[in-house]
Amino acid sequence: MILGGFLSAVTTVFLRGLGYSAESTVQQPFMDSLQGWVAANPAVAVPAIVAVVVFLGPAAEEIAFRGGIFRLLKHLGEWLSGTLGGGKVKVEPGNGGREKAPSRLPVVLAAVLSSVFFALLHLEPVILPTLLVFALVLCYILERTKSLLPCIVAHATFNSFATSVIVLGGLGVLDPLPV
């Protein structure tokens, strides 16, 4: 979270330095309407927002991005590297006759491409670097655990912070942050 905050701050300064607005212009009307809904009807709005933003959204995005796009790109890259490399694992002479480890390039390229796509689809220039790093971390988690469940839990946790800001803002506990 500290890295994400730092990246967002750097991006804000960079965008302002270029003369661009660092305000959340794309999703801000939607966020404002959610806060208005929370203010008007918290008993319905809060559970609905939590269900969608904390549970359904992360599950759907992880199935689509890490379970679908990342895995597809990874397998495509592995297939291409196997096809272009003759499909043979090389035995290195100075390696004691052991097989050379397969290239990590397809995994890295798949992680970068799917993460860039994920970050760009959120349409927020200020948090784009944060989302990019977050998506790369989710790809790493998937590669290490071979399961989408830890990715979904991490994504739900990440989204719970944004949900807290929306709900607390709608309840009047938080003032709008100055931009």
Foldseek 3Di string as FASTA:
>chain_A
DVVLVVQLVVLCVVCVVVVHHQDFDPCVVVLVVLLQCCLVPVVPSLVVCLCVQQAVVLVVCLCPQQVPQLVVQLVVVVVVCCVVVVVDFDQDPVPVRDTDDDDCVSNVVSQQVSQLVQLVVVVRSSSSVVSSVLSSVLSVVCVVPVDSVVSSNVSSVVSVVVSVCSNCVSNVNDDDDDD
